[in-house]
Amino acid sequence: MLIKKKAPNFIAKSITPKNNIIKNFNFKKEIKNKNCLLFFWPLDFSFICPTEILSLNYKYKEFKKKNTKIIGISTDSVYTHLAWKNTPIEKGGIGNNIKFNLISDLNKEIQKLYKVNYKNSYSLRATFLIDKKRVIKHISINDFHIGRNIDEILRLIDAINIYNSSKELCPAQWKINKNTIKPNNKSISNYLKNNIKDLYI
């Protein structure tokens, strides 16, 4: 289990938003003093993967407002990433406007480090949310055929930020600007008395 542990560092090749190739992308340095959404997808030029990347890219500014860096990884080479970016969206590509780095894990070392390797081939559809101290706060792993919910990822980042800033807890169905719970019996009693309808939405 990697939850509550420091996110393992890695150095790898990457394609930048400006389509430059970085040979020594240092994960630890890149996310210093920031939250991070680190996500793995199985394969470029596939079916669900471009929908996730385009949805993340569309909401890039929301992640930036939450001080969260997006970093994506697959086993494709940087040249395949670049070819995918150079392929128009209407032809199954992701276009040249992706605002975050795409990492190449050609030798599968990173996906093994994060324990999301499937039968020594592609990565499972894995999501890691990492806080400013490089502690892993959330992990979710989908089978290949299930796409991610980007709004839920943003909600989880809000919950991480709330807890790290106030130590208050975010209950079921919680969203930003809703009531939180202090870690004591009086607070949970008051919450259930006054906010029970929020649990049944």
N, C-alpha and C. Protein backbone atom coordinates (compact mmCIF):
# COMPACT_ATOMS: atom_id res chain seq x y z
N MET A 1 0.84 -1.21 0.00
CA MET A 1 0.00 0.00 0.00
C MET A 1 0.87 1.26 0.00
N LEU A 2 0.64 2.11 -0.95
CA LEU A 2 1.40 3.36 -1.04
C LEU A 2 0.68 4.53 -0.37
N ILE A 3 -0.57 4.35 0.01
CA ILE A 3 -1.33 5.43 0.65
C ILE A 3 -0.61 5.88 1.90
N LYS A 4 -0.52 7.20 2.12
CA LYS A 4 0.12 7.85 3.27
C LYS A 4 1.64 7.78 3.23
N LYS A 5 2.19 7.23 2.15
CA LYS A 5 3.65 7.19 2.00
C LYS A 5 4.09 8.25 1.00
N LYS A 6 5.39 8.55 1.02
CA LYS A 6 5.95 9.49 0.04
C LYS A 6 5.85 8.88 -1.36
N ALA A 7 5.42 9.70 -2.30
CA ALA A 7 5.35 9.24 -3.68
C ALA A 7 6.75 8.93 -4.19
N PRO A 8 6.99 7.75 -4.72
CA PRO A 8 8.33 7.41 -5.22
C PRO A 8 8.78 8.37 -6.31
N ASN A 9 10.02 8.78 -6.23
CA ASN A 9 10.57 9.66 -7.26
C ASN A 9 10.95 8.85 -8.50
N PHE A 10 10.98 9.53 -9.63
CA PHE A 10 11.47 8.91 -10.86
C PHE A 10 12.04 9.98 -11.78
N ILE A 11 12.93 9.56 -12.63
CA ILE A 11 13.50 10.44 -13.66
C ILE A 11 13.26 9.75 -15.00
N ALA A 12 12.65 10.48 -15.93
CA ALA A 12 12.25 9.83 -17.18
C ALA A 12 12.19 10.83 -18.32
N LYS A 13 12.00 10.32 -19.51
CA LYS A 13 11.80 11.19 -20.67
C LYS A 13 10.36 11.71 -20.68
N SER A 14 10.22 12.94 -21.19
CA SER A 14 8.90 13.57 -21.17
C SER A 14 8.73 14.47 -22.38
N ILE A 15 7.47 14.60 -22.81
CA ILE A 15 7.10 15.62 -23.78
C ILE A 15 6.47 16.79 -23.03
N THR A 16 6.94 18.00 -23.26
CA THR A 16 6.42 19.18 -22.58
C THR A 16 5.19 19.71 -23.32
N PRO A 17 4.45 20.64 -22.70
CA PRO A 17 3.32 21.26 -23.41
C PRO A 17 3.72 21.91 -24.73
N LYS A 18 4.98 22.36 -24.84
CA LYS A 18 5.45 22.98 -26.09
C LYS A 18 6.07 21.96 -27.04
N ASN A 19 5.88 20.68 -26.72
CA ASN A 19 6.34 19.58 -27.57
C ASN A 19 7.86 19.42 -27.62
N ASN A 20 8.53 19.90 -26.60
CA ASN A 20 9.96 19.63 -26.47
C ASN A 20 10.16 18.31 -25.73
N ILE A 21 11.26 17.64 -26.02
CA ILE A 21 11.59 16.40 -25.33
C ILE A 21 12.56 16.70 -24.19
N ILE A 22 12.17 16.30 -22.98
CA ILE A 22 13.05 16.39 -21.81
C ILE A 22 13.58 14.99 -21.54
N LYS A 23 14.89 14.84 -21.46
CA LYS A 23 15.46 13.52 -21.23
C LYS A 23 15.49 13.14 -19.76
N ASN A 24 15.52 14.16 -18.89
CA ASN A 24 15.66 13.88 -17.45
C ASN A 24 14.60 14.64 -16.65
N PHE A 25 13.35 14.31 -16.90
CA PHE A 25 12.24 14.90 -16.13
C PHE A 25 12.31 14.34 -14.72
N ASN A 26 12.52 15.22 -13.73
CA ASN A 26 12.66 14.81 -12.34
C ASN A 26 11.35 15.07 -11.61
N PHE A 27 10.63 14.01 -11.32
CA PHE A 27 9.30 14.12 -10.73
C PHE A 27 9.32 14.92 -9.43
N LYS A 28 10.24 14.60 -8.54
CA LYS A 28 10.30 15.25 -7.23
C LYS A 28 10.49 16.76 -7.37
N LYS A 29 11.37 17.18 -8.26
CA LYS A 29 11.62 18.61 -8.46
C LYS A 29 10.43 19.30 -9.11
N GLU A 30 9.78 18.61 -10.04
CA GLU A 30 8.67 19.22 -10.78
C GLU A 30 7.47 19.52 -9.89
N ILE A 31 7.24 18.71 -8.86
CA ILE A 31 6.04 18.91 -8.04
C ILE A 31 6.33 19.60 -6.70
N LYS A 32 7.51 20.13 -6.54
CA LYS A 32 7.88 20.77 -5.28
C LYS A 32 6.87 21.85 -4.90
N ASN A 33 6.37 21.77 -3.67
CA ASN A 33 5.41 22.74 -3.10
C ASN A 33 4.08 22.79 -3.85
N LYS A 34 3.75 21.72 -4.55
CA LYS A 34 2.47 21.64 -5.25
C LYS A 34 1.79 20.30 -4.95
N ASN A 35 0.47 20.30 -5.05
CA ASN A 35 -0.24 19.03 -5.15
C ASN A 35 0.05 18.45 -6.52
N CYS A 36 -0.22 17.16 -6.67
CA CYS A 36 -0.01 16.55 -7.98
C CYS A 36 -1.08 15.51 -8.27
N LEU A 37 -1.62 15.57 -9.48
CA LEU A 37 -2.39 14.47 -10.02
C LEU A 37 -1.45 13.70 -10.94
N LEU A 38 -1.06 12.51 -10.50
CA LEU A 38 -0.22 11.63 -11.30
C LEU A 38 -1.13 10.52 -11.81
N PHE A 39 -1.27 10.43 -13.13
CA PHE A 39 -2.18 9.42 -13.66
C PHE A 39 -1.50 8.58 -14.73
N PHE A 40 -1.88 7.32 -14.76
CA PHE A 40 -1.36 6.36 -15.73
C PHE A 40 -2.50 5.98 -16.68
N TRP A 41 -2.17 5.92 -17.97
CA TRP A 41 -3.15 5.38 -18.91
C TRP A 41 -2.49 4.23 -19.67
N PRO A 42 -3.29 3.31 -20.20
CA PRO A 42 -2.71 2.11 -20.80
C PRO A 42 -1.89 2.34 -22.07
N LEU A 43 -2.41 3.14 -23.01
CA LEU A 43 -1.77 3.16 -24.32
C LEU A 43 -2.23 4.35 -25.15
N ASP A 44 -1.30 5.02 -25.81
CA ASP A 44 -1.65 6.06 -26.79
C ASP A 44 -2.42 5.42 -27.96
N PHE A 45 -3.11 6.26 -28.69
CA PHE A 45 -3.87 5.81 -29.87
C PHE A 45 -4.85 4.70 -29.51
N SER A 46 -5.42 4.81 -28.31
CA SER A 46 -6.43 3.83 -27.89
C SER A 46 -7.79 4.52 -27.85
N PHE A 47 -8.70 4.10 -27.01
CA PHE A 47 -10.09 4.51 -27.14
C PHE A 47 -10.57 5.42 -26.00
N ILE A 48 -10.46 4.96 -24.76
CA ILE A 48 -10.88 5.79 -23.63
C ILE A 48 -9.81 6.84 -23.30
N CYS A 49 -8.54 6.49 -23.48
CA CYS A 49 -7.43 7.34 -23.04
C CYS A 49 -7.50 8.78 -23.58
N PRO A 50 -7.77 9.01 -24.87
CA PRO A 50 -7.83 10.40 -25.32
C PRO A 50 -8.98 11.19 -24.69
N THR A 51 -10.07 10.51 -24.36
CA THR A 51 -11.19 11.22 -23.74
C THR A 51 -10.79 11.75 -22.36
N GLU A 52 -10.01 10.97 -21.62
CA GLU A 52 -9.58 11.40 -20.28
C GLU A 52 -8.59 12.57 -20.38
N ILE A 53 -7.62 12.43 -21.28
CA ILE A 53 -6.60 13.47 -21.41
C ILE A 53 -7.22 14.79 -21.88
N LEU A 54 -8.15 14.71 -22.81
CA LEU A 54 -8.81 15.93 -23.29
C LEU A 54 -9.68 16.56 -22.21
N SER A 55 -10.35 15.75 -21.41
CA SER A 55 -11.17 16.27 -20.32
C SER A 55 -10.30 16.92 -19.25
N LEU A 56 -9.18 16.29 -18.91
CA LEU A 56 -8.24 16.89 -17.95
C LEU A 56 -7.69 18.21 -18.49
N ASN A 57 -7.37 18.22 -19.76
CA ASN A 57 -6.82 19.42 -20.37
C ASN A 57 -7.84 20.56 -20.37
N TYR A 58 -9.10 20.23 -20.62
CA TYR A 58 -10.17 21.23 -20.62
C TYR A 58 -10.30 21.89 -19.25
N LYS A 59 -10.07 21.11 -18.19
CA LYS A 59 -10.21 21.62 -16.83
C LYS A 59 -8.86 21.97 -16.20
N TYR A 60 -7.85 22.14 -17.02
CA TYR A 60 -6.50 22.42 -16.55
C TYR A 60 -6.46 23.63 -15.60
N LYS A 61 -7.18 24.70 -15.94
CA LYS A 61 -7.16 25.91 -15.11
C LYS A 61 -7.72 25.65 -13.72
N GLU A 62 -8.69 24.75 -13.62
CA GLU A 62 -9.25 24.42 -12.31
C GLU A 62 -8.21 23.72 -11.44
N PHE A 63 -7.43 22.83 -12.05
CA PHE A 63 -6.35 22.17 -11.31
C PHE A 63 -5.29 23.19 -10.89
N LYS A 64 -4.98 24.11 -11.80
CA LYS A 64 -3.96 25.12 -11.49
C LYS A 64 -4.40 26.00 -10.32
N LYS A 65 -5.67 26.37 -10.27
CA LYS A 65 -6.20 27.17 -9.16
C LYS A 65 -6.06 26.44 -7.83
N LYS A 66 -6.10 25.13 -7.88
CA LYS A 66 -5.98 24.32 -6.67
C LYS A 66 -4.52 23.94 -6.40
N ASN A 67 -3.58 24.63 -7.06
CA ASN A 67 -2.15 24.40 -6.88
C ASN A 67 -1.77 22.94 -7.16
N THR A 68 -2.35 22.40 -8.22
CA THR A 68 -2.16 20.99 -8.54
C THR A 68 -1.56 20.83 -9.93
N LYS A 69 -0.45 20.14 -9.97
CA LYS A 69 0.23 19.85 -11.23
C LYS A 69 -0.27 18.52 -11.78
N ILE A 70 -0.54 18.47 -13.07
CA ILE A 70 -0.99 17.25 -13.73
C ILE A 70 0.20 16.62 -14.46
N ILE A 71 0.40 15.33 -14.22
CA ILE A 71 1.47 14.60 -14.91
C ILE A 71 0.90 13.25 -15.34
N GLY A 72 1.04 12.94 -16.64
CA GLY A 72 0.51 11.69 -17.15
C GLY A 72 1.62 10.76 -17.64
N ILE A 73 1.37 9.45 -17.52
CA ILE A 73 2.38 8.44 -17.84
C ILE A 73 1.76 7.28 -18.60
N SER A 74 2.44 6.83 -19.65
CA SER A 74 2.12 5.54 -20.26
C SER A 74 3.42 4.88 -20.72
N THR A 75 3.31 3.67 -21.23
CA THR A 75 4.51 2.94 -21.65
C THR A 75 4.96 3.32 -23.06
N ASP A 76 4.26 4.26 -23.70
CA ASP A 76 4.65 4.69 -25.04
C ASP A 76 5.93 5.52 -25.00
N SER A 77 6.62 5.57 -26.11
CA SER A 77 7.82 6.41 -26.21
C SER A 77 7.41 7.88 -26.32
N VAL A 78 8.36 8.78 -26.10
CA VAL A 78 8.07 10.20 -26.26
C VAL A 78 7.72 10.52 -27.72
N TYR A 79 8.23 9.75 -28.64
CA TYR A 79 7.95 9.98 -30.06
C TYR A 79 6.51 9.56 -30.40
N THR A 80 6.03 8.52 -29.73
CA THR A 80 4.63 8.13 -29.91
C THR A 80 3.71 9.18 -29.29
N HIS A 81 4.10 9.68 -28.10
CA HIS A 81 3.33 10.78 -27.48
C HIS A 81 3.25 11.96 -28.45
N LEU A 82 4.38 12.29 -29.05
CA LEU A 82 4.43 13.44 -29.96
C LEU A 82 3.56 13.19 -31.20
N ALA A 83 3.60 11.98 -31.71
CA ALA A 83 2.77 11.65 -32.87
C ALA A 83 1.28 11.74 -32.50
N TRP A 84 0.95 11.31 -31.30
CA TRP A 84 -0.45 11.38 -30.82
C TRP A 84 -0.89 12.84 -30.71
N LYS A 85 0.00 13.69 -30.21
CA LYS A 85 -0.31 15.12 -30.12
C LYS A 85 -0.44 15.76 -31.50
N ASN A 86 0.30 15.24 -32.45
CA ASN A 86 0.25 15.78 -33.81
C ASN A 86 -0.90 15.23 -34.64
N THR A 87 -1.67 14.32 -34.04
CA THR A 87 -2.85 13.77 -34.71
C THR A 87 -4.08 14.57 -34.30
N PRO A 88 -4.87 15.06 -35.26
CA PRO A 88 -6.06 15.85 -34.92
C PRO A 88 -7.03 15.08 -34.03
N ILE A 89 -7.73 15.81 -33.20
CA ILE A 89 -8.68 15.19 -32.27
C ILE A 89 -9.73 14.38 -33.02
N GLU A 90 -10.23 14.93 -34.12
CA GLU A 90 -11.29 14.24 -34.87
C GLU A 90 -10.79 12.95 -35.54
N LYS A 91 -9.48 12.71 -35.47
CA LYS A 91 -8.92 11.47 -36.02
C LYS A 91 -8.35 10.57 -34.93
N GLY A 92 -8.76 10.82 -33.69
CA GLY A 92 -8.35 9.96 -32.58
C GLY A 92 -7.13 10.44 -31.83
N GLY A 93 -6.59 11.61 -32.20
CA GLY A 93 -5.44 12.15 -31.49
C GLY A 93 -5.87 13.02 -30.32
N ILE A 94 -4.90 13.69 -29.72
CA ILE A 94 -5.20 14.59 -28.59
C ILE A 94 -4.87 16.04 -28.92
N GLY A 95 -4.29 16.30 -30.08
CA GLY A 95 -4.00 17.66 -30.48
C GLY A 95 -2.78 18.24 -29.79
N ASN A 96 -2.35 19.40 -30.26
CA ASN A 96 -1.11 20.02 -29.80
C ASN A 96 -1.27 20.97 -28.63
N ASN A 97 -2.46 21.03 -28.05
CA ASN A 97 -2.71 22.02 -27.01
C ASN A 97 -2.71 21.44 -25.60
N ILE A 98 -2.15 20.26 -25.41
CA ILE A 98 -2.12 19.65 -24.08
C ILE A 98 -1.18 20.45 -23.18
N LYS A 99 -1.68 20.83 -22.00
CA LYS A 99 -0.97 21.78 -21.15
C LYS A 99 -0.13 21.13 -20.05
N PHE A 100 0.00 19.81 -20.08
CA PHE A 100 0.80 19.13 -19.05
C PHE A 100 1.74 18.12 -19.68
N ASN A 101 2.73 17.71 -18.90
CA ASN A 101 3.76 16.79 -19.39
C ASN A 101 3.23 15.37 -19.56
N LEU A 102 3.67 14.72 -20.62
CA LEU A 102 3.38 13.32 -20.87
C LEU A 102 4.68 12.53 -20.76
N ILE A 103 4.73 11.62 -19.81
CA ILE A 103 5.95 10.88 -19.49
C ILE A 103 5.98 9.56 -20.25
N SER A 104 7.18 9.17 -20.67
CA SER A 104 7.39 7.87 -21.30
C SER A 104 7.94 6.88 -20.27
N ASP A 105 7.24 5.77 -20.10
CA ASP A 105 7.68 4.70 -19.20
C ASP A 105 7.92 3.43 -20.03
N LEU A 106 8.76 3.59 -21.04
CA LEU A 106 8.98 2.54 -22.04
C LEU A 106 9.44 1.23 -21.41
N ASN A 107 10.26 1.32 -20.36
CA ASN A 107 10.78 0.10 -19.72
C ASN A 107 9.88 -0.38 -18.57
N LYS A 108 8.77 0.33 -18.35
CA LYS A 108 7.75 -0.06 -17.36
C LYS A 108 8.22 0.07 -15.90
N GLU A 109 9.31 0.76 -15.68
CA GLU A 109 9.84 0.87 -14.31
C GLU A 109 8.94 1.70 -13.41
N ILE A 110 8.35 2.78 -13.95
CA ILE A 110 7.54 3.66 -13.11
C ILE A 110 6.24 2.97 -12.72
N GLN A 111 5.59 2.32 -13.67
CA GLN A 111 4.33 1.66 -13.33
C GLN A 111 4.54 0.51 -12.35
N LYS A 112 5.72 -0.12 -12.40
CA LYS A 112 6.03 -1.14 -11.41
C LYS A 112 6.30 -0.50 -10.04
N LEU A 113 6.96 0.66 -10.07
CA LEU A 113 7.25 1.39 -8.83
C LEU A 113 5.96 1.78 -8.11
N TYR A 114 4.94 2.13 -8.91
CA TYR A 114 3.64 2.54 -8.35
C TYR A 114 2.64 1.39 -8.28
N LYS A 115 3.10 0.18 -8.61
CA LYS A 115 2.31 -1.05 -8.44
C LYS A 115 1.03 -1.05 -9.27
N VAL A 116 1.12 -0.56 -10.51
CA VAL A 116 -0.05 -0.54 -11.38
C VAL A 116 0.22 -1.29 -12.68
N ASN A 117 1.30 -2.06 -12.70
CA ASN A 117 1.67 -2.82 -13.88
C ASN A 117 0.75 -4.03 -14.03
N TYR A 118 0.27 -4.27 -15.25
CA TYR A 118 -0.62 -5.41 -15.48
C TYR A 118 0.08 -6.43 -16.37
N LYS A 119 0.40 -7.58 -15.80
CA LYS A 119 1.01 -8.69 -16.53
C LYS A 119 2.23 -8.26 -17.35
N ASN A 120 3.01 -7.34 -16.75
CA ASN A 120 4.23 -6.85 -17.37
C ASN A 120 3.98 -6.25 -18.77
N SER A 121 2.78 -5.68 -18.93
CA SER A 121 2.47 -5.05 -20.22
C SER A 121 2.09 -3.59 -19.97
N TYR A 122 0.82 -3.25 -20.15
CA TYR A 122 0.39 -1.87 -19.98
C TYR A 122 0.04 -1.59 -18.53
N SER A 123 -0.06 -0.30 -18.22
CA SER A 123 -0.52 0.10 -16.90
C SER A 123 -2.04 0.03 -16.84
N LEU A 124 -2.54 -0.28 -15.67
CA LEU A 124 -3.96 -0.11 -15.42
C LEU A 124 -4.27 1.40 -15.39
N ARG A 125 -5.54 1.73 -15.43
CA ARG A 125 -5.96 3.14 -15.46
C ARG A 125 -5.93 3.67 -14.02
N ALA A 126 -4.77 4.16 -13.61
CA ALA A 126 -4.52 4.47 -12.19
C ALA A 126 -4.39 5.97 -11.95
N THR A 127 -4.91 6.39 -10.80
CA THR A 127 -4.90 7.81 -10.40
C THR A 127 -4.29 7.94 -9.01
N PHE A 128 -3.31 8.82 -8.88
CA PHE A 128 -2.68 9.10 -7.59
C PHE A 128 -2.81 10.60 -7.31
N LEU A 129 -3.33 10.94 -6.14
CA LEU A 129 -3.36 12.33 -5.71
C LEU A 129 -2.35 12.50 -4.59
N ILE A 130 -1.46 13.46 -4.78
CA ILE A 130 -0.28 13.63 -3.92
C ILE A 130 -0.28 15.05 -3.40
N ASP A 131 -0.06 15.23 -2.10
CA ASP A 131 -0.12 16.57 -1.54
C ASP A 131 1.23 17.29 -1.62
N LYS A 132 1.28 18.51 -1.08
CA LYS A 132 2.47 19.35 -1.20
C LYS A 132 3.68 18.77 -0.49
N LYS A 133 3.46 17.85 0.43
CA LYS A 133 4.57 17.20 1.13
C LYS A 133 4.99 15.89 0.42
N ARG A 134 4.44 15.67 -0.77
CA ARG A 134 4.70 14.50 -1.60
C ARG A 134 4.16 13.22 -0.97
N VAL A 135 3.11 13.37 -0.15
CA VAL A 135 2.46 12.22 0.47
C VAL A 135 1.27 11.80 -0.40
N ILE A 136 1.16 10.52 -0.68
CA ILE A 136 0.04 10.01 -1.46
C ILE A 136 -1.21 9.97 -0.58
N LYS A 137 -2.24 10.71 -1.00
CA LYS A 137 -3.47 10.83 -0.21
C LYS A 137 -4.63 10.04 -0.81
N HIS A 138 -4.54 9.72 -2.08
CA HIS A 138 -5.64 8.99 -2.73
C HIS A 138 -5.08 8.15 -3.86
N ILE A 139 -5.61 6.92 -3.99
CA ILE A 139 -5.29 6.04 -5.11
C ILE A 139 -6.60 5.45 -5.62
N SER A 140 -6.79 5.48 -6.92
CA SER A 140 -7.88 4.71 -7.52
C SER A 140 -7.35 4.03 -8.77
N ILE A 141 -7.81 2.81 -8.99
CA ILE A 141 -7.34 2.03 -10.14
C ILE A 141 -8.55 1.42 -10.83
N ASN A 142 -8.70 1.77 -12.11
CA ASN A 142 -9.80 1.23 -12.91
C ASN A 142 -9.28 0.15 -13.85
N ASP A 143 -10.16 -0.77 -14.21
CA ASP A 143 -9.87 -1.68 -15.30
C ASP A 143 -9.80 -0.87 -16.60
N PHE A 144 -9.28 -1.46 -17.63
CA PHE A 144 -9.02 -0.74 -18.88
C PHE A 144 -10.26 -0.08 -19.46
N HIS A 145 -11.43 -0.68 -19.28
CA HIS A 145 -12.63 -0.24 -19.99
C HIS A 145 -13.45 0.80 -19.22
N ILE A 146 -12.94 1.29 -18.08
CA ILE A 146 -13.70 2.26 -17.27
C ILE A 146 -12.94 3.58 -17.20
N GLY A 147 -13.53 4.64 -17.75
CA GLY A 147 -12.90 5.96 -17.73
C GLY A 147 -13.06 6.66 -16.40
N ARG A 148 -12.21 7.62 -16.15
CA ARG A 148 -12.22 8.38 -14.89
C ARG A 148 -13.22 9.52 -14.91
N ASN A 149 -13.65 9.92 -13.70
CA ASN A 149 -14.52 11.09 -13.53
C ASN A 149 -13.65 12.26 -13.08
N ILE A 150 -13.44 13.23 -13.95
CA ILE A 150 -12.52 14.33 -13.66
C ILE A 150 -13.07 15.24 -12.56
N ASP A 151 -14.38 15.43 -12.51
CA ASP A 151 -14.97 16.25 -11.45
C ASP A 151 -14.74 15.63 -10.08
N GLU A 152 -14.78 14.31 -10.00
CA GLU A 152 -14.51 13.64 -8.72
C GLU A 152 -13.05 13.84 -8.30
N ILE A 153 -12.15 13.83 -9.25
CA ILE A 153 -10.75 14.08 -8.93
C ILE A 153 -10.59 15.49 -8.36
N LEU A 154 -11.25 16.47 -8.95
CA LEU A 154 -11.19 17.84 -8.44
C LEU A 154 -11.78 17.93 -7.04
N ARG A 155 -12.88 17.21 -6.79
CA ARG A 155 -13.49 17.20 -5.46
C ARG A 155 -12.53 16.63 -4.42
N LEU A 156 -11.85 15.57 -4.79
CA LEU A 156 -10.90 14.96 -3.86
C LEU A 156 -9.73 15.89 -3.55
N ILE A 157 -9.28 16.64 -4.54
CA ILE A 157 -8.21 17.62 -4.30
C ILE A 157 -8.68 18.69 -3.32
N ASP A 158 -9.92 19.14 -3.46
CA ASP A 158 -10.48 20.09 -2.50
C ASP A 158 -10.47 19.51 -1.10
N ALA A 159 -10.85 18.25 -0.97
CA ALA A 159 -10.89 17.61 0.35
C ALA A 159 -9.49 17.49 0.94
N ILE A 160 -8.51 17.17 0.11
CA ILE A 160 -7.12 17.10 0.57
C ILE A 160 -6.66 18.47 1.07
N ASN A 161 -6.97 19.51 0.31
CA ASN A 161 -6.56 20.87 0.69
C ASN A 161 -7.23 21.32 1.98
N ILE A 162 -8.52 20.99 2.13
CA ILE A 162 -9.25 21.35 3.35
C ILE A 162 -8.60 20.69 4.57
N TYR A 163 -8.34 19.40 4.46
CA TYR A 163 -7.77 18.70 5.61
C TYR A 163 -6.36 19.22 5.93
N ASN A 164 -5.55 19.42 4.92
CA ASN A 164 -4.17 19.87 5.17
C ASN A 164 -4.11 21.29 5.72
N SER A 165 -5.12 22.09 5.43
CA SER A 165 -5.10 23.47 5.93
C SER A 165 -5.79 23.62 7.29
N SER A 166 -6.80 22.79 7.57
CA SER A 166 -7.61 22.98 8.77
C SER A 166 -7.69 21.76 9.68
N LYS A 167 -7.30 20.59 9.17
CA LYS A 167 -7.45 19.30 9.85
C LYS A 167 -8.91 18.92 10.04
N GLU A 168 -9.81 19.59 9.32
CA GLU A 168 -11.22 19.21 9.37
C GLU A 168 -11.50 18.14 8.32
N LEU A 169 -12.53 17.33 8.60
CA LEU A 169 -12.82 16.14 7.81
C LEU A 169 -13.96 16.41 6.82
N CYS A 170 -13.88 15.76 5.67
CA CYS A 170 -14.87 15.95 4.62
C CYS A 170 -15.76 14.71 4.55
N PRO A 171 -17.05 14.84 4.91
CA PRO A 171 -17.94 13.68 4.97
C PRO A 171 -18.36 13.18 3.60
N ALA A 172 -19.16 12.12 3.61
CA ALA A 172 -19.72 11.58 2.36
C ALA A 172 -20.50 12.68 1.63
N GLN A 173 -20.41 12.67 0.31
CA GLN A 173 -21.12 13.60 -0.57
C GLN A 173 -20.64 15.04 -0.43
N TRP A 174 -19.54 15.25 0.30
CA TRP A 174 -19.04 16.60 0.52
C TRP A 174 -18.58 17.24 -0.78
N LYS A 175 -18.85 18.55 -0.89
CA LYS A 175 -18.31 19.37 -1.98
C LYS A 175 -17.78 20.66 -1.38
N ILE A 176 -16.96 21.37 -2.14
CA ILE A 176 -16.38 22.61 -1.66
C ILE A 176 -17.47 23.57 -1.20
N ASN A 177 -17.21 24.28 -0.12
CA ASN A 177 -18.12 25.23 0.51
C ASN A 177 -19.26 24.57 1.30
N LYS A 178 -19.24 23.26 1.41
CA LYS A 178 -20.17 22.56 2.29
C LYS A 178 -19.52 22.36 3.67
N ASN A 179 -20.35 21.99 4.64
CA ASN A 179 -19.85 21.85 6.01
C ASN A 179 -18.90 20.66 6.15
N THR A 180 -17.90 20.85 6.96
CA THR A 180 -16.95 19.79 7.30
C THR A 180 -17.18 19.35 8.73
N ILE A 181 -16.38 18.41 9.19
CA ILE A 181 -16.52 17.86 10.54
C ILE A 181 -15.20 17.96 11.27
N LYS A 182 -15.22 18.45 12.49
CA LYS A 182 -14.03 18.40 13.33
C LYS A 182 -13.93 17.00 13.93
N PRO A 183 -12.72 16.52 14.16
CA PRO A 183 -12.56 15.14 14.64
C PRO A 183 -12.90 14.98 16.13
N ASN A 184 -14.17 15.19 16.46
CA ASN A 184 -14.63 14.95 17.83
C ASN A 184 -16.11 14.57 17.80
N ASN A 185 -16.60 14.00 18.89
CA ASN A 185 -17.97 13.49 18.94
C ASN A 185 -19.03 14.59 18.82
N LYS A 186 -18.76 15.74 19.41
CA LYS A 186 -19.73 16.84 19.34
C LYS A 186 -19.93 17.30 17.91
N SER A 187 -18.85 17.38 17.17
CA SER A 187 -18.92 17.87 15.80
C SER A 187 -19.69 16.91 14.90
N ILE A 188 -19.45 15.60 15.01
CA ILE A 188 -20.19 14.66 14.17
C ILE A 188 -21.66 14.64 14.55
N SER A 189 -21.96 14.78 15.83
CA SER A 189 -23.36 14.83 16.27
C SER A 189 -24.07 16.05 15.68
N ASN A 190 -23.41 17.19 15.74
CA ASN A 190 -24.00 18.41 15.17
C ASN A 190 -24.16 18.30 13.66
N TYR A 191 -23.16 17.69 13.03
CA TYR A 191 -23.23 17.56 11.57
C TYR A 191 -24.43 16.69 11.17
N LEU A 192 -24.58 15.55 11.80
CA LEU A 192 -25.68 14.64 11.46
C LEU A 192 -27.04 15.27 11.78
N LYS A 193 -27.09 16.06 12.82
CA LYS A 193 -28.35 16.72 13.19
C LYS A 193 -28.76 17.77 12.16
N ASN A 194 -27.77 18.50 11.65
CA ASN A 194 -28.08 19.67 10.81
C ASN A 194 -27.86 19.47 9.31
N ASN A 195 -27.20 18.37 8.94
CA ASN A 195 -26.83 18.23 7.52
C ASN A 195 -27.20 16.86 6.95
N ILE A 196 -28.12 16.16 7.61
CA ILE A 196 -28.42 14.81 7.18
C ILE A 196 -28.88 14.74 5.73
N LYS A 197 -29.57 15.78 5.25
CA LYS A 197 -30.06 15.76 3.87
C LYS A 197 -28.92 15.74 2.85
N ASP A 198 -27.79 16.30 3.24
CA ASP A 198 -26.64 16.32 2.31
C ASP A 198 -26.11 14.91 2.02
N LEU A 199 -26.39 13.97 2.92
CA LEU A 199 -25.90 12.61 2.73
C LEU A 199 -26.78 11.83 1.76
N TYR A 200 -27.98 12.32 1.49
CA TYR A 200 -28.94 11.58 0.68
C TYR A 200 -29.12 12.17 -0.71
N ILE A 201 -28.18 13.03 -1.10
CA ILE A 201 -28.26 13.64 -2.44
C ILE A 201 -27.87 12.61 -3.49
